[in-house]
Amino acid sequence: MLAKIPIKGHSETTHETIFLVGDLRIPQNSAGLIIFVHGSGNARLSPRNQSVAEKLNKDGLATLLFDLLTMSEEKIGNQTRRLRFDINLLSMRLISTLDWIINNSDTHNLSVGLFGASTAAAEALVAAAERPAMVKAILSRGRRRDLARK
C-alpha cells in the first residue's frame, strides 16, 4: 500500500507540510513493523531493501520502505550530497514518521524496529532516543553511528 506521510515544518526550504512517500505492507497478524531508514533517498526503490522486506513480510512482519528526502531534495542531494548529512533534518522526519505510525489505525498496535543504513543509522539512533517507548529494536548497517551526536 502506498503511504503518504505528512511531515510538518521539516523542510529545508519551507515550513509547510511535505509528504514522504513509502511502501507500507502489513501481513495479517503482523508481529511488528520494520522501518527501513535511508538518508540518501533510495530506500523505497532499492532492490536489496525490497528483497529483505519481502522476506520479512513472509515471516509475518510489516515493513515500511520510504524515503527521507523528497524527489526534488534527492536531486539536489545527488549533486551536493549535503542533505544526506543533515542528521537533524532527517532525524526530525523520522520522528514525525514514528508519530504518524502511532496515530495510524493500521500500525498503532505494532512494535517498531528501525533498520538504518549508512548515515541513516545515526537518524535511527536519534529517533529511538526521542521515542524510546515506541522503538523496540535498531539494526544498523554501516559505520555512521557517530553522526548521532546531540
N, C-alpha and C. Protein backbone atom coordinates (compact mmCIF):
# COMPACT_ATOMS: atom_id res chain seq x y z
N MET A 1 0.85 -1.17 0.00
CA MET A 1 0.00 0.00 0.00
C MET A 1 0.90 1.24 0.00
N LEU A 2 0.56 2.19 -0.83
CA LEU A 2 1.31 3.44 -0.90
C LEU A 2 0.95 4.30 0.30
N ALA A 3 1.93 4.73 1.04
CA ALA A 3 1.71 5.58 2.20
C ALA A 3 2.24 6.98 1.89
N LYS A 4 1.45 7.99 2.24
CA LYS A 4 1.90 9.38 2.14
C LYS A 4 2.00 9.91 3.56
N ILE A 5 3.21 10.14 4.01
CA ILE A 5 3.48 10.50 5.39
C ILE A 5 3.66 12.02 5.47
N PRO A 6 2.74 12.71 6.17
CA PRO A 6 2.86 14.17 6.27
C PRO A 6 3.96 14.56 7.26
N ILE A 7 4.80 15.46 6.83
CA ILE A 7 5.90 15.98 7.66
C ILE A 7 5.71 17.48 7.75
N LYS A 8 5.39 17.96 8.94
CA LYS A 8 5.11 19.39 9.11
C LYS A 8 6.35 20.14 9.54
N GLY A 9 6.70 21.17 8.79
CA GLY A 9 7.76 22.08 9.18
C GLY A 9 9.17 21.51 9.15
N HIS A 10 9.38 20.40 8.50
CA HIS A 10 10.72 19.82 8.46
C HIS A 10 11.25 19.78 7.04
N SER A 11 11.08 20.90 6.34
CA SER A 11 11.63 21.04 5.01
C SER A 11 12.74 22.06 5.07
N GLU A 12 13.72 21.87 4.26
CA GLU A 12 14.85 22.80 4.28
C GLU A 12 14.46 24.17 3.71
N THR A 13 13.48 24.21 2.83
CA THR A 13 13.16 25.46 2.15
C THR A 13 11.88 26.11 2.62
N THR A 14 11.04 25.39 3.34
CA THR A 14 9.77 25.94 3.76
C THR A 14 9.31 25.30 5.06
N HIS A 15 8.40 25.94 5.74
CA HIS A 15 7.84 25.37 6.97
C HIS A 15 6.49 24.74 6.71
N GLU A 16 6.15 24.57 5.44
CA GLU A 16 4.89 23.94 5.08
C GLU A 16 5.00 22.42 5.22
N THR A 17 3.87 21.77 5.16
CA THR A 17 3.84 20.31 5.22
C THR A 17 4.31 19.73 3.90
N ILE A 18 5.20 18.77 3.99
CA ILE A 18 5.61 18.00 2.82
C ILE A 18 5.12 16.57 3.03
N PHE A 19 5.15 15.76 2.01
CA PHE A 19 4.74 14.37 2.12
C PHE A 19 5.87 13.48 1.66
N LEU A 20 6.21 12.52 2.51
CA LEU A 20 7.17 11.49 2.14
C LEU A 20 6.39 10.29 1.65
N VAL A 21 6.90 9.65 0.62
CA VAL A 21 6.21 8.52 0.01
C VAL A 21 6.85 7.23 0.50
N GLY A 22 5.99 6.26 0.83
CA GLY A 22 6.51 4.99 1.29
C GLY A 22 5.67 3.82 0.83
N ASP A 23 6.25 2.65 0.94
CA ASP A 23 5.56 1.40 0.63
C ASP A 23 5.35 0.68 1.95
N LEU A 24 4.09 0.65 2.41
CA LEU A 24 3.73 0.03 3.68
C LEU A 24 3.03 -1.29 3.39
N ARG A 25 3.59 -2.37 3.92
CA ARG A 25 2.99 -3.69 3.75
C ARG A 25 2.76 -4.30 5.12
N ILE A 26 1.52 -4.70 5.35
CA ILE A 26 1.14 -5.25 6.65
C ILE A 26 0.50 -6.61 6.45
N PRO A 27 1.26 -7.69 6.66
CA PRO A 27 0.66 -9.02 6.57
C PRO A 27 -0.34 -9.23 7.72
N GLN A 28 -1.26 -10.17 7.53
CA GLN A 28 -2.20 -10.48 8.60
C GLN A 28 -1.44 -10.95 9.82
N ASN A 29 -1.92 -10.53 10.98
CA ASN A 29 -1.35 -10.93 12.27
C ASN A 29 0.13 -10.56 12.40
N SER A 30 0.49 -9.38 11.92
CA SER A 30 1.88 -8.93 11.99
C SER A 30 2.34 -8.84 13.44
N ALA A 31 3.57 -9.28 13.66
CA ALA A 31 4.15 -9.23 15.00
C ALA A 31 4.82 -7.88 15.28
N GLY A 32 5.09 -7.12 14.24
CA GLY A 32 5.75 -5.84 14.41
C GLY A 32 5.96 -5.17 13.06
N LEU A 33 6.57 -4.00 13.11
CA LEU A 33 6.81 -3.19 11.91
C LEU A 33 8.29 -2.83 11.84
N ILE A 34 8.91 -3.14 10.73
CA ILE A 34 10.30 -2.77 10.49
C ILE A 34 10.30 -1.59 9.53
N ILE A 35 10.92 -0.50 9.96
CA ILE A 35 11.02 0.71 9.13
C ILE A 35 12.43 0.78 8.55
N PHE A 36 12.51 0.80 7.23
CA PHE A 36 13.79 0.93 6.55
C PHE A 36 14.10 2.42 6.43
N VAL A 37 15.22 2.83 6.99
CA VAL A 37 15.61 4.24 7.01
C VAL A 37 16.86 4.40 6.16
N HIS A 38 16.81 5.31 5.20
CA HIS A 38 17.97 5.52 4.34
C HIS A 38 18.05 7.00 3.99
N GLY A 39 19.12 7.64 4.39
CA GLY A 39 19.25 9.08 4.22
C GLY A 39 19.48 9.55 2.81
N SER A 40 19.88 8.67 1.91
CA SER A 40 20.18 9.14 0.56
C SER A 40 18.96 9.14 -0.34
N GLY A 41 17.82 8.74 0.19
CA GLY A 41 16.59 8.88 -0.57
C GLY A 41 16.22 7.70 -1.44
N ASN A 42 16.92 6.57 -1.35
CA ASN A 42 16.60 5.49 -2.26
C ASN A 42 16.13 4.20 -1.57
N ALA A 43 15.69 4.28 -0.33
CA ALA A 43 15.31 3.08 0.42
C ALA A 43 14.12 2.37 -0.22
N ARG A 44 13.16 3.12 -0.67
CA ARG A 44 11.92 2.54 -1.18
C ARG A 44 12.13 1.76 -2.46
N LEU A 45 13.04 2.21 -3.29
CA LEU A 45 13.23 1.59 -4.60
C LEU A 45 14.41 0.64 -4.67
N SER A 46 15.14 0.50 -3.59
CA SER A 46 16.31 -0.36 -3.57
C SER A 46 15.91 -1.83 -3.72
N PRO A 47 16.42 -2.52 -4.74
CA PRO A 47 16.11 -3.95 -4.89
C PRO A 47 16.51 -4.76 -3.65
N ARG A 48 17.63 -4.41 -3.05
CA ARG A 48 18.08 -5.12 -1.85
C ARG A 48 17.07 -4.94 -0.71
N ASN A 49 16.65 -3.70 -0.47
CA ASN A 49 15.67 -3.44 0.59
C ASN A 49 14.34 -4.11 0.29
N GLN A 50 13.92 -4.07 -0.98
CA GLN A 50 12.66 -4.71 -1.35
C GLN A 50 12.71 -6.21 -1.12
N SER A 51 13.84 -6.82 -1.40
CA SER A 51 14.00 -8.26 -1.19
C SER A 51 13.96 -8.61 0.29
N VAL A 52 14.66 -7.84 1.10
CA VAL A 52 14.65 -8.06 2.56
C VAL A 52 13.24 -7.84 3.11
N ALA A 53 12.57 -6.79 2.65
CA ALA A 53 11.21 -6.51 3.12
C ALA A 53 10.26 -7.64 2.76
N GLU A 54 10.40 -8.17 1.56
CA GLU A 54 9.55 -9.28 1.13
C GLU A 54 9.74 -10.50 2.03
N LYS A 55 10.97 -10.79 2.38
CA LYS A 55 11.26 -11.90 3.28
C LYS A 55 10.65 -11.64 4.66
N LEU A 56 10.79 -10.43 5.18
CA LEU A 56 10.21 -10.09 6.47
C LEU A 56 8.68 -10.21 6.44
N ASN A 57 8.07 -9.76 5.33
CA ASN A 57 6.62 -9.89 5.18
C ASN A 57 6.19 -11.35 5.23
N LYS A 58 6.93 -12.22 4.55
CA LYS A 58 6.62 -13.65 4.56
C LYS A 58 6.76 -14.25 5.96
N ASP A 59 7.64 -13.64 6.76
CA ASP A 59 7.85 -14.10 8.13
C ASP A 59 6.90 -13.43 9.13
N GLY A 60 5.93 -12.64 8.62
CA GLY A 60 4.91 -12.06 9.48
C GLY A 60 5.21 -10.69 10.05
N LEU A 61 6.18 -9.99 9.49
CA LEU A 61 6.48 -8.63 9.94
C LEU A 61 6.02 -7.62 8.90
N ALA A 62 5.43 -6.55 9.37
CA ALA A 62 5.07 -5.44 8.49
C ALA A 62 6.34 -4.67 8.16
N THR A 63 6.35 -4.00 7.02
CA THR A 63 7.51 -3.21 6.62
C THR A 63 7.06 -1.86 6.06
N LEU A 64 7.90 -0.87 6.27
CA LEU A 64 7.72 0.44 5.66
C LEU A 64 9.04 0.82 5.01
N LEU A 65 9.03 0.87 3.68
CA LEU A 65 10.17 1.37 2.93
C LEU A 65 9.80 2.77 2.46
N PHE A 66 10.55 3.76 2.89
CA PHE A 66 10.23 5.12 2.49
C PHE A 66 11.50 5.93 2.38
N ASP A 67 11.36 7.07 1.77
CA ASP A 67 12.49 7.95 1.52
C ASP A 67 12.41 9.16 2.43
N LEU A 68 13.50 9.48 3.10
CA LEU A 68 13.54 10.65 3.97
C LEU A 68 13.67 11.95 3.19
N LEU A 69 14.01 11.85 1.92
CA LEU A 69 14.11 13.04 1.07
C LEU A 69 12.98 13.01 0.04
N THR A 70 12.47 14.18 -0.30
CA THR A 70 11.53 14.28 -1.40
C THR A 70 12.29 14.08 -2.70
N MET A 71 11.58 13.89 -3.78
CA MET A 71 12.25 13.70 -5.07
C MET A 71 13.10 14.90 -5.45
N SER A 72 12.59 16.11 -5.22
CA SER A 72 13.38 17.29 -5.56
C SER A 72 14.60 17.43 -4.66
N GLU A 73 14.46 17.08 -3.39
CA GLU A 73 15.61 17.12 -2.49
C GLU A 73 16.65 16.06 -2.87
N GLU A 74 16.18 14.92 -3.32
CA GLU A 74 17.10 13.86 -3.74
C GLU A 74 17.94 14.33 -4.93
N LYS A 75 17.32 15.06 -5.85
CA LYS A 75 18.07 15.59 -6.99
C LYS A 75 19.16 16.54 -6.52
N ILE A 76 18.82 17.41 -5.58
CA ILE A 76 19.81 18.34 -5.01
C ILE A 76 20.89 17.54 -4.29
N GLY A 77 20.46 16.55 -3.52
CA GLY A 77 21.39 15.72 -2.76
C GLY A 77 22.35 14.95 -3.64
N ASN A 78 21.89 14.52 -4.80
CA ASN A 78 22.77 13.79 -5.71
C ASN A 78 23.88 14.69 -6.25
N GLN A 79 23.61 15.99 -6.30
CA GLN A 79 24.61 16.93 -6.79
C GLN A 79 25.54 17.40 -5.68
N THR A 80 24.96 17.67 -4.49
CA THR A 80 25.76 18.28 -3.43
C THR A 80 26.11 17.32 -2.29
N ARG A 81 25.34 16.27 -2.11
CA ARG A 81 25.48 15.31 -1.01
C ARG A 81 25.26 15.93 0.36
N ARG A 82 24.89 17.20 0.42
CA ARG A 82 24.73 17.91 1.68
C ARG A 82 23.55 17.39 2.50
N LEU A 83 22.43 17.13 1.86
CA LEU A 83 21.22 16.76 2.61
C LEU A 83 21.35 15.41 3.30
N ARG A 84 22.08 14.50 2.74
CA ARG A 84 22.19 13.18 3.38
C ARG A 84 23.01 13.24 4.66
N PHE A 85 23.71 14.33 4.90
CA PHE A 85 24.44 14.51 6.16
C PHE A 85 23.75 15.49 7.10
N ASP A 86 22.54 15.92 6.76
CA ASP A 86 21.78 16.79 7.65
C ASP A 86 21.00 15.90 8.63
N ILE A 87 21.72 15.38 9.61
CA ILE A 87 21.17 14.40 10.54
C ILE A 87 19.99 14.99 11.31
N ASN A 88 20.06 16.25 11.68
CA ASN A 88 18.95 16.86 12.40
C ASN A 88 17.67 16.86 11.56
N LEU A 89 17.75 17.33 10.34
CA LEU A 89 16.59 17.37 9.46
C LEU A 89 16.01 15.97 9.24
N LEU A 90 16.86 15.03 8.92
CA LEU A 90 16.39 13.68 8.61
C LEU A 90 15.89 12.96 9.86
N SER A 91 16.51 13.21 11.00
CA SER A 91 16.03 12.62 12.26
C SER A 91 14.64 13.14 12.60
N MET A 92 14.43 14.43 12.42
CA MET A 92 13.11 15.01 12.71
C MET A 92 12.05 14.41 11.78
N ARG A 93 12.42 14.13 10.56
CA ARG A 93 11.48 13.49 9.63
C ARG A 93 11.16 12.07 10.07
N LEU A 94 12.17 11.36 10.55
CA LEU A 94 11.92 10.01 11.03
C LEU A 94 11.05 10.03 12.29
N ILE A 95 11.29 10.97 13.18
CA ILE A 95 10.46 11.11 14.38
C ILE A 95 9.02 11.43 13.98
N SER A 96 8.83 12.30 13.01
CA SER A 96 7.48 12.60 12.52
C SER A 96 6.83 11.35 11.92
N THR A 97 7.63 10.53 11.26
CA THR A 97 7.11 9.27 10.70
C THR A 97 6.68 8.34 11.83
N LEU A 98 7.47 8.26 12.89
CA LEU A 98 7.08 7.44 14.04
C LEU A 98 5.77 7.95 14.65
N ASP A 99 5.62 9.26 14.71
CA ASP A 99 4.36 9.83 15.23
C ASP A 99 3.20 9.47 14.32
N TRP A 100 3.43 9.48 13.00
CA TRP A 100 2.39 9.09 12.05
C TRP A 100 2.00 7.63 12.28
N ILE A 101 2.98 6.78 12.51
CA ILE A 101 2.72 5.35 12.73
C ILE A 101 1.87 5.14 13.98
N ILE A 102 2.19 5.84 15.04
CA ILE A 102 1.46 5.65 16.30
C ILE A 102 0.03 6.19 16.18
N ASN A 103 -0.20 7.11 15.27
CA ASN A 103 -1.54 7.67 15.07
C ASN A 103 -2.30 7.03 13.91
N ASN A 104 -1.70 6.05 13.24
CA ASN A 104 -2.33 5.37 12.12
C ASN A 104 -3.04 4.13 12.64
N SER A 105 -4.31 3.99 12.32
CA SER A 105 -5.09 2.86 12.85
C SER A 105 -4.56 1.50 12.39
N ASP A 106 -3.87 1.45 11.26
CA ASP A 106 -3.34 0.19 10.76
C ASP A 106 -2.03 -0.22 11.44
N THR A 107 -1.34 0.73 12.06
CA THR A 107 0.00 0.44 12.57
C THR A 107 0.20 0.75 14.06
N HIS A 108 -0.75 1.40 14.70
CA HIS A 108 -0.51 1.89 16.06
C HIS A 108 -0.27 0.79 17.09
N ASN A 109 -0.70 -0.42 16.84
CA ASN A 109 -0.51 -1.52 17.79
C ASN A 109 0.76 -2.34 17.54
N LEU A 110 1.51 -1.99 16.52
CA LEU A 110 2.70 -2.79 16.15
C LEU A 110 3.95 -2.30 16.88
N SER A 111 4.75 -3.24 17.36
CA SER A 111 6.07 -2.89 17.88
C SER A 111 6.93 -2.45 16.70
N VAL A 112 7.83 -1.51 16.93
CA VAL A 112 8.59 -0.92 15.84
C VAL A 112 10.08 -1.22 15.98
N GLY A 113 10.68 -1.61 14.86
CA GLY A 113 12.12 -1.74 14.75
C GLY A 113 12.60 -0.85 13.62
N LEU A 114 13.78 -0.27 13.78
CA LEU A 114 14.36 0.60 12.76
C LEU A 114 15.57 -0.08 12.14
N PHE A 115 15.63 -0.05 10.83
CA PHE A 115 16.76 -0.60 10.08
C PHE A 115 17.43 0.57 9.38
N GLY A 116 18.54 1.05 9.95
CA GLY A 116 19.22 2.22 9.42
C GLY A 116 20.48 1.84 8.68
N ALA A 117 20.60 2.30 7.45
CA ALA A 117 21.77 2.01 6.63
C ALA A 117 22.59 3.27 6.44
N SER A 118 23.90 3.15 6.56
CA SER A 118 24.82 4.24 6.32
C SER A 118 24.54 5.40 7.28
N THR A 119 24.39 6.63 6.76
CA THR A 119 24.16 7.77 7.65
C THR A 119 22.82 7.66 8.37
N ALA A 120 21.90 6.88 7.85
CA ALA A 120 20.60 6.73 8.49
C ALA A 120 20.69 5.93 9.79
N ALA A 121 21.81 5.27 10.04
CA ALA A 121 22.00 4.62 11.33
C ALA A 121 21.96 5.68 12.43
N ALA A 122 22.55 6.82 12.18
CA ALA A 122 22.53 7.92 13.14
C ALA A 122 21.10 8.44 13.34
N GLU A 123 20.37 8.58 12.25
CA GLU A 123 18.99 9.05 12.35
C GLU A 123 18.13 8.08 13.14
N ALA A 124 18.35 6.78 12.93
CA ALA A 124 17.61 5.77 13.68
C ALA A 124 17.91 5.87 15.18
N LEU A 125 19.18 6.08 15.53
CA LEU A 125 19.54 6.21 16.94
C LEU A 125 18.92 7.45 17.57
N VAL A 126 18.94 8.57 16.86
CA VAL A 126 18.34 9.81 17.38
C VAL A 126 16.83 9.63 17.57
N ALA A 127 16.17 9.05 16.58
CA ALA A 127 14.72 8.85 16.67
C ALA A 127 14.37 7.90 17.81
N ALA A 128 15.14 6.84 17.98
CA ALA A 128 14.88 5.89 19.07
C ALA A 128 15.07 6.56 20.43
N ALA A 129 16.04 7.45 20.54
CA ALA A 129 16.24 8.17 21.79
C ALA A 129 15.09 9.12 22.08
N GLU A 130 14.49 9.67 21.03
CA GLU A 130 13.35 10.59 21.18
C GLU A 130 12.03 9.85 21.44
N ARG A 131 11.93 8.62 20.97
CA ARG A 131 10.70 7.82 21.12
C ARG A 131 11.05 6.44 21.70
N PRO A 132 11.66 6.41 22.91
CA PRO A 132 12.15 5.14 23.45
C PRO A 132 11.05 4.13 23.77
N ALA A 133 9.86 4.58 24.10
CA ALA A 133 8.77 3.64 24.40
C ALA A 133 8.25 2.97 23.14
N MET A 134 8.50 3.57 22.01
CA MET A 134 7.96 3.06 20.75
C MET A 134 8.93 2.15 20.01
N VAL A 135 10.20 2.53 19.94
CA VAL A 135 11.19 1.79 19.17
C VAL A 135 11.76 0.68 20.04
N LYS A 136 11.53 -0.55 19.61
CA LYS A 136 11.94 -1.72 20.39
C LYS A 136 13.28 -2.30 19.93
N ALA A 137 13.70 -1.99 18.70
CA ALA A 137 14.95 -2.54 18.19
C ALA A 137 15.52 -1.64 17.11
N ILE A 138 16.85 -1.67 16.99
CA ILE A 138 17.55 -0.92 15.94
C ILE A 138 18.57 -1.86 15.31
N LEU A 139 18.57 -1.91 14.00
CA LEU A 139 19.60 -2.63 13.27
C LEU A 139 20.35 -1.58 12.46
N SER A 140 21.65 -1.51 12.67
CA SER A 140 22.47 -0.53 11.98
C SER A 140 23.39 -1.24 11.00
N ARG A 141 23.29 -0.83 9.73
CA ARG A 141 24.18 -1.35 8.70
C ARG A 141 25.01 -0.18 8.19
N GLY A 142 26.28 -0.21 8.44
CA GLY A 142 27.14 0.89 8.04
C GLY A 142 27.89 1.43 9.23
N ARG A 143 28.67 2.46 8.98
CA ARG A 143 29.58 2.93 10.03
C ARG A 143 29.31 4.36 10.48
N ARG A 144 28.17 4.92 10.24
CA ARG A 144 27.99 6.34 10.55
C ARG A 144 27.16 6.61 11.80
N ARG A 145 27.21 5.70 12.76
CA ARG A 145 26.50 5.92 14.03
C ARG A 145 27.07 7.14 14.75
N ASP A 146 28.33 7.47 14.47
CA ASP A 146 28.99 8.60 15.11
C ASP A 146 28.28 9.93 14.81
N LEU A 147 27.48 9.98 13.76
CA LEU A 147 26.79 11.22 13.40
C LEU A 147 25.57 11.48 14.29
N ALA A 148 25.27 10.59 15.21
CA ALA A 148 24.09 10.72 16.07
C ALA A 148 24.32 11.64 17.26
N ARG A 149 25.45 12.26 17.37
CA ARG A 149 25.72 13.16 18.49
C ARG A 149 24.65 14.23 18.57
N LYS A 150 24.28 14.57 19.81
CA LYS A 150 23.28 15.63 20.03
C LYS A 150 23.83 16.72 20.87
